[in-house]
Amino acid sequence: MEIGMLWFDNDPRLDLLSKVHKAAEYYKEKYGQEANLCFVHPSMTPDEKTDAGEVVVYSNSTVLPHHFWIGVHRPEASNS
């Protein structure tokens, strides 16, 4: 992901998947396309990779806790 949106959510009543869905809904409203990739701090997920519906969630230590770096991953075209 080259460009993404930074989303903050520290609501203790919501689980990780709910927060990702909320961020993805806002992303779609704002940018008119579906997000499919999200990075979160490792403390927010027990796994290195988690699926939240269409959004793949990866842990990344450079993202602050309670922050979500969400956007669109576009696979590079292969030259084969």
PDB file of N, CA and C in Angstrom:
ATOM      1  N   MET A   1       0.855  -1.166   0.000  1.00  0.00           N
ATOM      2  CA  MET A   1       0.000   0.000   0.000  1.00  0.00           C
ATOM      3  C   MET A   1       0.899   1.227   0.000  1.00  0.00           C
ATOM      4  N   GLU A   2       0.707   2.086  -0.973  1.00  0.00           N
ATOM      5  CA  GLU A   2       1.490   3.312  -1.045  1.00  0.00           C
ATOM      6  C   GLU A   2       0.793   4.472  -0.339  1.00  0.00           C
ATOM      7  N   ILE A   3      -0.527   4.521  -0.466  1.00  0.00           N
ATOM      8  CA  ILE A   3      -1.305   5.595   0.136  1.00  0.00           C
ATOM      9  C   ILE A   3      -2.412   4.981   0.968  1.00  0.00           C
ATOM     10  N   GLY A   4      -2.630   5.518   2.135  1.00  0.00           N
ATOM     11  CA  GLY A   4      -3.693   5.021   2.996  1.00  0.00           C
ATOM     12  C   GLY A   4      -4.221   6.131   3.882  1.00  0.00           C
ATOM     13  N   MET A   5      -5.192   5.797   4.670  1.00  0.00           N
ATOM     14  CA  MET A   5      -5.807   6.737   5.588  1.00  0.00           C
ATOM     15  C   MET A   5      -5.483   6.274   7.003  1.00  0.00           C
ATOM     16  N   LEU A   6      -5.139   7.210   7.865  1.00  0.00           N
ATOM     17  CA  LEU A   6      -4.878   6.875   9.258  1.00  0.00           C
ATOM     18  C   LEU A   6      -6.158   7.108  10.049  1.00  0.00           C
ATOM     19  N   TRP A   7      -6.594   6.072  10.760  1.00  0.00           N
ATOM     20  CA  TRP A   7      -7.847   6.091  11.522  1.00  0.00           C
ATOM     21  C   TRP A   7      -7.523   5.799  12.976  1.00  0.00           C
ATOM     22  N   PHE A   8      -8.135   6.533  13.879  1.00  0.00           N
ATOM     23  CA  PHE A   8      -7.926   6.320  15.309  1.00  0.00           C
ATOM     24  C   PHE A   8      -9.223   5.829  15.944  1.00  0.00           C
ATOM     25  N   ASP A   9      -9.140   4.769  16.737  1.00  0.00           N
ATOM     26  CA  ASP A   9     -10.315   4.262  17.439  1.00  0.00           C
ATOM     27  C   ASP A   9      -9.855   3.562  18.711  1.00  0.00           C
ATOM     28  N   ASN A  10     -10.139   4.157  19.855  1.00  0.00           N
ATOM     29  CA  ASN A  10      -9.761   3.542  21.130  1.00  0.00           C
ATOM     30  C   ASN A  10     -10.996   3.165  21.954  1.00  0.00           C
ATOM     31  N   ASP A  11     -12.122   2.951  21.278  1.00  0.00           N
ATOM     32  CA  ASP A  11     -13.362   2.570  21.959  1.00  0.00           C
ATOM     33  C   ASP A  11     -13.204   1.177  22.571  1.00  0.00           C
ATOM     34  N   PRO A  12     -13.219   1.059  23.897  1.00  0.00           N
ATOM     35  CA  PRO A  12     -13.016  -0.249  24.534  1.00  0.00           C
ATOM     36  C   PRO A  12     -14.196  -1.211  24.341  1.00  0.00           C
ATOM     37  N   ARG A  13     -15.337  -0.700  23.879  1.00  0.00           N
ATOM     38  CA  ARG A  13     -16.520  -1.554  23.689  1.00  0.00           C
ATOM     39  C   ARG A  13     -16.473  -2.326  22.369  1.00  0.00           C
ATOM     40  N   LEU A  14     -15.615  -1.906  21.442  1.00  0.00           N
ATOM     41  CA  LEU A  14     -15.554  -2.553  20.130  1.00  0.00           C
ATOM     42  C   LEU A  14     -14.350  -3.468  20.024  1.00  0.00           C
ATOM     43  N   ASP A  15     -14.529  -4.587  19.320  1.00  0.00           N
ATOM     44  CA  ASP A  15     -13.399  -5.473  19.068  1.00  0.00           C
ATOM     45  C   ASP A  15     -12.658  -5.010  17.798  1.00  0.00           C
ATOM     46  N   LEU A  16     -11.547  -5.648  17.518  1.00  0.00           N
ATOM     47  CA  LEU A  16     -10.704  -5.259  16.388  1.00  0.00           C
ATOM     48  C   LEU A  16     -11.467  -5.286  15.066  1.00  0.00           C
ATOM     49  N   LEU A  17     -12.206  -6.360  14.814  1.00  0.00           N
ATOM     50  CA  LEU A  17     -12.912  -6.489  13.539  1.00  0.00           C
ATOM     51  C   LEU A  17     -13.950  -5.389  13.363  1.00  0.00           C
ATOM     52  N   SER A  18     -14.653  -5.034  14.420  1.00  0.00           N
ATOM     53  CA  SER A  18     -15.638  -3.948  14.343  1.00  0.00           C
ATOM     54  C   SER A  18     -14.965  -2.623  14.014  1.00  0.00           C
ATOM     55  N   LYS A  19     -13.815  -2.390  14.615  1.00  0.00           N
ATOM     56  CA  LYS A  19     -13.085  -1.152  14.351  1.00  0.00           C
ATOM     57  C   LYS A  19     -12.589  -1.096  12.914  1.00  0.00           C
ATOM     58  N   VAL A  20     -12.103  -2.218  12.404  1.00  0.00           N
ATOM     59  CA  VAL A  20     -11.639  -2.264  11.015  1.00  0.00           C
ATOM     60  C   VAL A  20     -12.813  -2.021  10.072  1.00  0.00           C
ATOM     61  N   HIS A  21     -13.950  -2.633  10.335  1.00  0.00           N
ATOM     62  CA  HIS A  21     -15.137  -2.427   9.491  1.00  0.00           C
ATOM     63  C   HIS A  21     -15.578  -0.962   9.509  1.00  0.00           C
ATOM     64  N   LYS A  22     -15.530  -0.350  10.668  1.00  0.00           N
ATOM     65  CA  LYS A  22     -15.907   1.057  10.801  1.00  0.00           C
ATOM     66  C   LYS A  22     -14.964   1.946   9.979  1.00  0.00           C
ATOM     67  N   ALA A  23     -13.681   1.676  10.080  1.00  0.00           N
ATOM     68  CA  ALA A  23     -12.697   2.438   9.312  1.00  0.00           C
ATOM     69  C   ALA A  23     -12.881   2.205   7.815  1.00  0.00           C
ATOM     70  N   ALA A  24     -13.169   0.968   7.421  1.00  0.00           N
ATOM     71  CA  ALA A  24     -13.354   0.636   6.000  1.00  0.00           C
ATOM     72  C   ALA A  24     -14.599   1.325   5.439  1.00  0.00           C
ATOM     73  N   GLU A  25     -15.648   1.398   6.228  1.00  0.00           N
ATOM     74  CA  GLU A  25     -16.863   2.093   5.779  1.00  0.00           C
ATOM     75  C   GLU A  25     -16.577   3.572   5.537  1.00  0.00           C
ATOM     76  N   TYR A  26     -15.867   4.196   6.456  1.00  0.00           N
ATOM     77  CA  TYR A  26     -15.522   5.609   6.296  1.00  0.00           C
ATOM     78  C   TYR A  26     -14.618   5.802   5.080  1.00  0.00           C
ATOM     79  N   TYR A  27     -13.661   4.898   4.908  1.00  0.00           N
ATOM     80  CA  TYR A  27     -12.749   4.980   3.763  1.00  0.00           C
ATOM     81  C   TYR A  27     -13.541   4.944   2.454  1.00  0.00           C
ATOM     82  N   LYS A  28     -14.512   4.047   2.365  1.00  0.00           N
ATOM     83  CA  LYS A  28     -15.310   3.933   1.139  1.00  0.00           C
ATOM     84  C   LYS A  28     -16.124   5.203   0.905  1.00  0.00           C
ATOM     85  N   GLU A  29     -16.716   5.755   1.962  1.00  0.00           N
ATOM     86  CA  GLU A  29     -17.474   7.002   1.832  1.00  0.00           C
ATOM     87  C   GLU A  29     -16.585   8.148   1.352  1.00  0.00           C
ATOM     88  N   LYS A  30     -15.401   8.242   1.919  1.00  0.00           N
ATOM     89  CA  LYS A  30     -14.515   9.368   1.624  1.00  0.00           C
ATOM     90  C   LYS A  30     -13.825   9.247   0.270  1.00  0.00           C
ATOM     91  N   TYR A  31     -13.363   8.032  -0.084  1.00  0.00           N
ATOM     92  CA  TYR A  31     -12.549   7.875  -1.293  1.00  0.00           C
ATOM     93  C   TYR A  31     -13.253   7.133  -2.430  1.00  0.00           C
ATOM     94  N   GLY A  32     -14.443   6.589  -2.176  1.00  0.00           N
ATOM     95  CA  GLY A  32     -15.211   5.946  -3.221  1.00  0.00           C
ATOM     96  C   GLY A  32     -14.696   4.598  -3.677  1.00  0.00           C
ATOM     97  N   GLN A  33     -13.871   3.968  -2.883  1.00  0.00           N
ATOM     98  CA  GLN A  33     -13.396   2.623  -3.206  1.00  0.00           C
ATOM     99  C   GLN A  33     -13.253   1.799  -1.938  1.00  0.00           C
ATOM    100  N   GLU A  34     -13.300   0.497  -2.119  1.00  0.00           N
ATOM    101  CA  GLU A  34     -13.230  -0.430  -0.997  1.00  0.00           C
ATOM    102  C   GLU A  34     -11.785  -0.596  -0.521  1.00  0.00           C
ATOM    103  N   ALA A  35     -11.566  -0.449   0.775  1.00  0.00           N
ATOM    104  CA  ALA A  35     -10.257  -0.747   1.357  1.00  0.00           C
ATOM    105  C   ALA A  35     -10.103  -2.266   1.435  1.00  0.00           C
ATOM    106  N   ASN A  36      -8.870  -2.744   1.256  1.00  0.00           N
ATOM    107  CA  ASN A  36      -8.649  -4.189   1.360  1.00  0.00           C
ATOM    108  C   ASN A  36      -7.406  -4.531   2.178  1.00  0.00           C
ATOM    109  N   LEU A  37      -6.770  -3.517   2.769  1.00  0.00           N
ATOM    110  CA  LEU A  37      -5.550  -3.738   3.538  1.00  0.00           C
ATOM    111  C   LEU A  37      -5.515  -2.782   4.714  1.00  0.00           C
ATOM    112  N   CYS A  38      -5.102  -3.298   5.869  1.00  0.00           N
ATOM    113  CA  CYS A  38      -5.031  -2.476   7.073  1.00  0.00           C
ATOM    114  C   CYS A  38      -3.841  -2.929   7.917  1.00  0.00           C
ATOM    115  N   PHE A  39      -3.114  -1.977   8.462  1.00  0.00           N
ATOM    116  CA  PHE A  39      -2.009  -2.269   9.373  1.00  0.00           C
ATOM    117  C   PHE A  39      -2.357  -1.738  10.746  1.00  0.00           C
ATOM    118  N   VAL A  40      -2.084  -2.547  11.784  1.00  0.00           N
ATOM    119  CA  VAL A  40      -2.334  -2.162  13.172  1.00  0.00           C
ATOM    120  C   VAL A  40      -1.111  -2.517  14.017  1.00  0.00           C
ATOM    121  N   HIS A  41      -1.041  -1.942  15.194  1.00  0.00           N
ATOM    122  CA  HIS A  41       0.045  -2.252  16.132  1.00  0.00           C
ATOM    123  C   HIS A  41      -0.079  -3.714  16.582  1.00  0.00           C
ATOM    124  N   PRO A  42       1.044  -4.411  16.764  1.00  0.00           N
ATOM    125  CA  PRO A  42       1.008  -5.829  17.184  1.00  0.00           C
ATOM    126  C   PRO A  42       0.222  -6.090  18.470  1.00  0.00           C
ATOM    127  N   SER A  43       0.111  -5.120  19.343  1.00  0.00           N
ATOM    128  CA  SER A  43      -0.640  -5.320  20.588  1.00  0.00           C
ATOM    129  C   SER A  43      -2.145  -5.435  20.351  1.00  0.00           C
ATOM    130  N   MET A  44      -2.589  -5.094  19.164  1.00  0.00           N
ATOM    131  CA  MET A  44      -4.019  -5.093  18.870  1.00  0.00           C
ATOM    132  C   MET A  44      -4.518  -6.396  18.267  1.00  0.00           C
ATOM    133  N   THR A  45      -3.617  -7.271  17.861  1.00  0.00           N
ATOM    134  CA  THR A  45      -4.022  -8.538  17.262  1.00  0.00           C
ATOM    135  C   THR A  45      -3.065  -9.642  17.696  1.00  0.00           C
ATOM    136  N   PRO A  46      -3.585 -10.817  18.019  1.00  0.00           N
ATOM    137  CA  PRO A  46      -2.705 -11.909  18.445  1.00  0.00           C
ATOM    138  C   PRO A  46      -1.937 -12.532  17.282  1.00  0.00           C
ATOM    139  N   ASP A  47      -2.417 -12.320  16.070  1.00  0.00           N
ATOM    140  CA  ASP A  47      -1.783 -12.924  14.893  1.00  0.00           C
ATOM    141  C   ASP A  47      -1.101 -11.864  14.045  1.00  0.00           C
ATOM    142  N   GLU A  48      -0.124 -12.310  13.268  1.00  0.00           N
ATOM    143  CA  GLU A  48       0.569 -11.387  12.369  1.00  0.00           C
ATOM    144  C   GLU A  48      -0.334 -10.964  11.216  1.00  0.00           C
ATOM    145  N   LYS A  49      -1.272 -11.855  10.854  1.00  0.00           N
ATOM    146  CA  LYS A  49      -2.209 -11.573   9.767  1.00  0.00           C
ATOM    147  C   LYS A  49      -3.595 -12.063  10.174  1.00  0.00           C
ATOM    148  N   THR A  50      -4.600 -11.217   9.956  1.00  0.00           N
ATOM    149  CA  THR A  50      -5.986 -11.542  10.288  1.00  0.00           C
ATOM    150  C   THR A  50      -6.866 -11.066   9.144  1.00  0.00           C
ATOM    151  N   ASP A  51      -7.936 -11.782   8.876  1.00  0.00           N
ATOM    152  CA  ASP A  51      -8.897 -11.330   7.883  1.00  0.00           C
ATOM    153  C   ASP A  51     -10.095 -10.706   8.581  1.00  0.00           C
ATOM    154  N   ALA A  52     -10.511  -9.553   8.072  1.00  0.00           N
ATOM    155  CA  ALA A  52     -11.713  -8.877   8.566  1.00  0.00           C
ATOM    156  C   ALA A  52     -12.637  -8.702   7.367  1.00  0.00           C
ATOM    157  N   GLY A  53     -13.200  -9.793   6.922  1.00  0.00           N
ATOM    158  CA  GLY A  53     -14.005  -9.759   5.704  1.00  0.00           C
ATOM    159  C   GLY A  53     -13.100  -9.582   4.500  1.00  0.00           C
ATOM    160  N   GLU A  54     -13.325  -8.535   3.745  1.00  0.00           N
ATOM    161  CA  GLU A  54     -12.524  -8.248   2.547  1.00  0.00           C
ATOM    162  C   GLU A  54     -11.206  -7.554   2.884  1.00  0.00           C
ATOM    163  N   VAL A  55     -11.057  -7.123   4.113  1.00  0.00           N
ATOM    164  CA  VAL A  55      -9.851  -6.388   4.530  1.00  0.00           C
ATOM    165  C   VAL A  55      -8.886  -7.343   5.226  1.00  0.00           C
ATOM    166  N   VAL A  56      -7.656  -7.381   4.739  1.00  0.00           N
ATOM    167  CA  VAL A  56      -6.608  -8.176   5.378  1.00  0.00           C
ATOM    168  C   VAL A  56      -5.889  -7.260   6.363  1.00  0.00           C
ATOM    169  N   VAL A  57      -5.756  -7.721   7.600  1.00  0.00           N
ATOM    170  CA  VAL A  57      -5.155  -6.927   8.670  1.00  0.00           C
ATOM    171  C   VAL A  57      -3.807  -7.534   9.042  1.00  0.00           C
ATOM    172  N   TYR A  58      -2.767  -6.712   8.973  1.00  0.00           N
ATOM    173  CA  TYR A  58      -1.420  -7.132   9.347  1.00  0.00           C
ATOM    174  C   TYR A  58      -0.962  -6.326  10.555  1.00  0.00           C
ATOM    175  N   SER A  59      -0.179  -6.959  11.413  1.00  0.00           N
ATOM    176  CA  SER A  59       0.433  -6.213  12.509  1.00  0.00           C
ATOM    177  C   SER A  59       1.715  -5.574  11.998  1.00  0.00           C
ATOM    178  N   ASN A  60       1.987  -4.374  12.516  1.00  0.00           N
ATOM    179  CA  ASN A  60       3.169  -3.626  12.112  1.00  0.00           C
ATOM    180  C   ASN A  60       3.574  -2.737  13.279  1.00  0.00           C
ATOM    181  N   SER A  61       4.783  -2.905  13.749  1.00  0.00           N
ATOM    182  CA  SER A  61       5.219  -2.183  14.949  1.00  0.00           C
ATOM    183  C   SER A  61       5.398  -0.683  14.727  1.00  0.00           C
ATOM    184  N   THR A  62       5.367  -0.221  13.492  1.00  0.00           N
ATOM    185  CA  THR A  62       5.502   1.221  13.241  1.00  0.00           C
ATOM    186  C   THR A  62       4.173   1.964  13.385  1.00  0.00           C
ATOM    187  N   VAL A  63       3.070   1.233  13.481  1.00  0.00           N
ATOM    188  CA  VAL A  63       1.753   1.847  13.673  1.00  0.00           C
ATOM    189  C   VAL A  63       1.497   1.957  15.173  1.00  0.00           C
ATOM    190  N   LEU A  64       1.054   3.116  15.616  1.00  0.00           N
ATOM    191  CA  LEU A  64       0.796   3.330  17.038  1.00  0.00           C
ATOM    192  C   LEU A  64      -0.439   2.548  17.497  1.00  0.00           C
ATOM    193  N   PRO A  65      -0.493   2.167  18.767  1.00  0.00           N
ATOM    194  CA  PRO A  65      -1.688   1.488  19.286  1.00  0.00           C
ATOM    195  C   PRO A  65      -2.941   2.335  19.051  1.00  0.00           C
ATOM    196  N   HIS A  66      -4.037   1.661  18.766  1.00  0.00           N
ATOM    197  CA  HIS A  66      -5.345   2.264  18.509  1.00  0.00           C
ATOM    198  C   HIS A  66      -5.424   3.017  17.180  1.00  0.00           C
ATOM    199  N   HIS A  67      -4.399   2.902  16.359  1.00  0.00           N
ATOM    200  CA  HIS A  67      -4.400   3.517  15.039  1.00  0.00           C
ATOM    201  C   HIS A  67      -4.517   2.422  13.975  1.00  0.00           C
ATOM    202  N   PHE A  68      -5.145   2.778  12.875  1.00  0.00           N
ATOM    203  CA  PHE A  68      -5.365   1.862  11.768  1.00  0.00           C
ATOM    204  C   PHE A  68      -4.905   2.561  10.494  1.00  0.00           C
ATOM    205  N   TRP A  69      -3.933   1.985   9.819  1.00  0.00           N
ATOM    206  CA  TRP A  69      -3.501   2.522   8.531  1.00  0.00           C
ATOM    207  C   TRP A  69      -4.210   1.662   7.491  1.00  0.00           C
ATOM    208  N   ILE A  70      -5.239   2.223   6.869  1.00  0.00           N
ATOM    209  CA  ILE A  70      -6.124   1.448   6.009  1.00  0.00           C
ATOM    210  C   ILE A  70      -6.135   2.031   4.607  1.00  0.00           C
ATOM    211  N   GLY A  71      -6.187   1.154   3.614  1.00  0.00           N
ATOM    212  CA  GLY A  71      -6.201   1.610   2.235  1.00  0.00           C
ATOM    213  C   GLY A  71      -6.370   0.455   1.273  1.00  0.00           C
ATOM    214  N   VAL A  72      -5.851   0.660   0.064  1.00  0.00           N
ATOM    215  CA  VAL A  72      -6.026  -0.305  -1.008  1.00  0.00           C
ATOM    216  C   VAL A  72      -4.669  -0.851  -1.430  1.00  0.00           C
ATOM    217  N   HIS A  73      -4.565  -2.164  -1.439  1.00  0.00           N
ATOM    218  CA  HIS A  73      -3.377  -2.825  -1.962  1.00  0.00           C
ATOM    219  C   HIS A  73      -3.657  -3.199  -3.409  1.00  0.00           C
ATOM    220  N   ARG A  74      -2.826  -2.707  -4.305  1.00  0.00           N
ATOM    221  CA  ARG A  74      -2.964  -3.054  -5.720  1.00  0.00           C
ATOM    222  C   ARG A  74      -1.763  -3.905  -6.096  1.00  0.00           C
ATOM    223  N   PRO A  75      -2.003  -5.188  -6.378  1.00  0.00           N
ATOM    224  CA  PRO A  75      -0.876  -6.046  -6.760  1.00  0.00           C
ATOM    225  C   PRO A  75      -0.213  -5.509  -8.029  1.00  0.00           C
ATOM    226  N   GLU A  76       1.094  -5.567  -8.045  1.00  0.00           N
ATOM    227  CA  GLU A  76       1.825  -5.135  -9.231  1.00  0.00           C
ATOM    228  C   GLU A  76       1.620  -6.135 -10.354  1.00  0.00           C
ATOM    229  N   ALA A  77       1.523  -5.639 -11.560  1.00  0.00           N
ATOM    230  CA  ALA A  77       1.354  -6.522 -12.716  1.00  0.00           C
ATOM    231  C   ALA A  77       2.625  -7.325 -12.929  1.00  0.00           C
ATOM    232  N   SER A  78       2.452  -8.618 -13.180  1.00  0.00           N
ATOM    233  CA  SER A  78       3.628  -9.462 -13.424  1.00  0.00           C
ATOM    234  C   SER A  78       4.013  -9.353 -14.892  1.00  0.00           C
ATOM    235  N   ASN A  79       5.285  -9.488 -15.163  1.00  0.00           N
ATOM    236  CA  ASN A  79       5.799  -9.391 -16.527  1.00  0.00           C
ATOM    237  C   ASN A  79       6.096 -10.761 -17.092  1.00  0.00           C
ATOM    238  N   SER A  80       5.287 -11.761 -16.801  1.00  0.00           N
ATOM    239  CA  SER A  80       5.564 -13.100 -17.296  1.00  0.00           C
ATOM    240  C   SER A  80       4.715 -13.460 -18.467  1.00  0.00           C
TER     241      SER A  80
END
